Protein backbone atom coordinates (compact mmCIF):
# COMPACT_ATOMS: atom_id res chain seq x y z
CA MET A 1 -22.59 -22.53 -14.72
CA ILE A 2 -21.46 -19.57 -16.39
CA LYS A 3 -23.10 -17.48 -14.35
CA TYR A 4 -20.36 -18.07 -11.88
CA ILE A 5 -17.30 -17.14 -14.18
CA TRP A 6 -18.35 -13.35 -13.29
CA LEU A 7 -17.94 -14.38 -9.37
CA LEU A 8 -14.26 -15.57 -10.52
CA PHE A 9 -13.54 -12.49 -12.41
CA SER A 10 -15.20 -10.84 -9.25
CA ILE A 11 -12.51 -12.48 -7.11
CA ILE A 12 -9.76 -11.94 -9.01
CA PHE A 13 -10.25 -8.36 -9.78
CA LEU A 14 -10.60 -7.58 -6.00
CA SER A 15 -7.54 -9.31 -5.29
CA LEU A 16 -5.56 -7.48 -7.96
CA ALA A 17 -6.97 -4.15 -6.24
CA ILE A 18 -6.04 -5.20 -2.63
CA PHE A 19 -2.71 -5.91 -4.00
CA ARG A 20 -2.17 -2.54 -5.84
CA PHE A 21 -3.49 -0.85 -2.53
CA ILE A 22 -0.70 -2.03 -0.63
CA ILE A 23 2.10 -1.92 -2.95
CA SER A 24 0.58 2.11 -3.33
CA LYS A 25 2.12 2.11 0.55
CA LYS A 26 5.87 1.06 -0.61
CA LYS A 27 8.51 3.61 -1.10
CA ILE A 28 11.99 3.67 -1.99
CA GLU A 29 14.07 4.86 0.95
CA SER A 30 16.22 7.98 0.29
CA PHE A 31 19.96 7.51 -0.69
CA GLU A 32 22.38 8.25 2.39
CA PHE A 33 26.15 9.06 1.93
CA GLU A 34 28.55 9.35 4.38
CA GLY A 35 32.49 10.06 3.33
CA ARG A 36 34.66 12.67 2.06
CA ILE A 37 34.17 14.58 -0.85
CA GLY A 38 37.45 14.25 -2.67
CA GLU A 39 39.27 15.23 -6.31
CA ILE A 40 40.43 12.93 -8.63
CA ASN A 41 42.60 14.00 -11.75
CA GLY A 42 41.47 17.81 -10.97
CA VAL A 43 37.73 16.78 -11.04
CA LYS A 44 35.99 17.41 -7.74
CA LEU A 45 33.29 14.60 -6.64
CA GLY A 46 30.05 16.12 -5.40
CA MET A 47 28.66 12.94 -3.94
CA LYS A 48 26.26 15.60 -1.40
CA GLU A 49 24.95 17.11 -4.62
CA PHE A 50 24.60 13.80 -6.47
CA ALA A 51 22.89 12.63 -3.04
CA GLU A 52 20.22 16.13 -2.77
CA SER A 53 19.52 15.67 -6.53
CA PHE A 54 18.85 11.60 -6.26
CA ASN A 55 16.71 11.76 -3.19
CA LYS A 56 14.55 14.71 -5.12
CA TYR A 57 14.10 11.94 -8.19
CA LEU A 58 13.32 9.83 -5.51
CA VAL A 59 10.57 11.55 -3.82
CA GLN A 60 8.85 12.05 -7.06
CA HIS A 61 9.32 8.61 -8.39
CA ASN A 62 7.76 7.19 -4.87
CA SER A 63 5.02 9.91 -5.48
CA ASN A 64 4.51 9.03 -9.23
CA ASN A 65 4.42 5.30 -8.33
CA ARG A 66 1.88 5.96 -5.36
CA LYS A 67 -0.78 7.93 -7.85
CA VAL A 68 -0.39 4.86 -10.48
CA ASN A 69 -0.93 1.99 -8.38
CA ILE A 70 -3.94 3.76 -6.71
CA ALA A 71 -5.16 4.28 -10.25
CA ALA A 72 -4.80 0.99 -11.13
CA ALA A 73 -6.71 -0.26 -8.08
CA ILE A 74 -9.53 1.33 -8.76
CA GLY A 75 -9.39 0.05 -12.07
CA TYR A 76 -9.56 -3.07 -10.61
CA LEU A 77 -12.47 -2.27 -8.11
CA ILE A 78 -14.42 -0.82 -11.12
CA ALA A 79 -13.86 -3.84 -12.85
CA SER A 80 -14.63 -6.01 -9.72
CA LEU A 81 -17.88 -4.28 -9.24
CA THR A 82 -18.91 -4.74 -12.59
CA ALA A 83 -18.14 -8.07 -12.45
CA ILE A 84 -20.73 -8.62 -9.41
CA ILE A 85 -23.19 -6.61 -11.28
CA SER A 86 -23.00 -8.75 -14.60
CA PHE A 87 -23.36 -12.10 -11.99
CA ILE A 88 -26.35 -10.55 -10.51
CA LEU A 89 -28.13 -9.60 -13.57
CA SER A 90 -26.95 -13.21 -15.64
CA PRO A 91 -29.74 -15.50 -15.87
CA ASN A 92 -29.29 -18.94 -14.24
CA LEU A 93 -28.16 -21.22 -17.25
């Protein structure tokens, strides 16, 4: 009976690995600014420059999120394989 706990852990870790792989493909869309650039109280509003800078940040953020989620998925996959090996090697009690 205790042997089957490893099988349960393997299923849980495998489902978490699949979840992380799916999430790693999602991206935050780029910011599009369509409008006039004006001036308020002598300060120019540079929304175009802000949008460009913010989009660079989003590209970097998406890249980092993808790497982190893939690393987590690989870790869960290794944990799942370890649980399967433990299930196979455990004595029948």
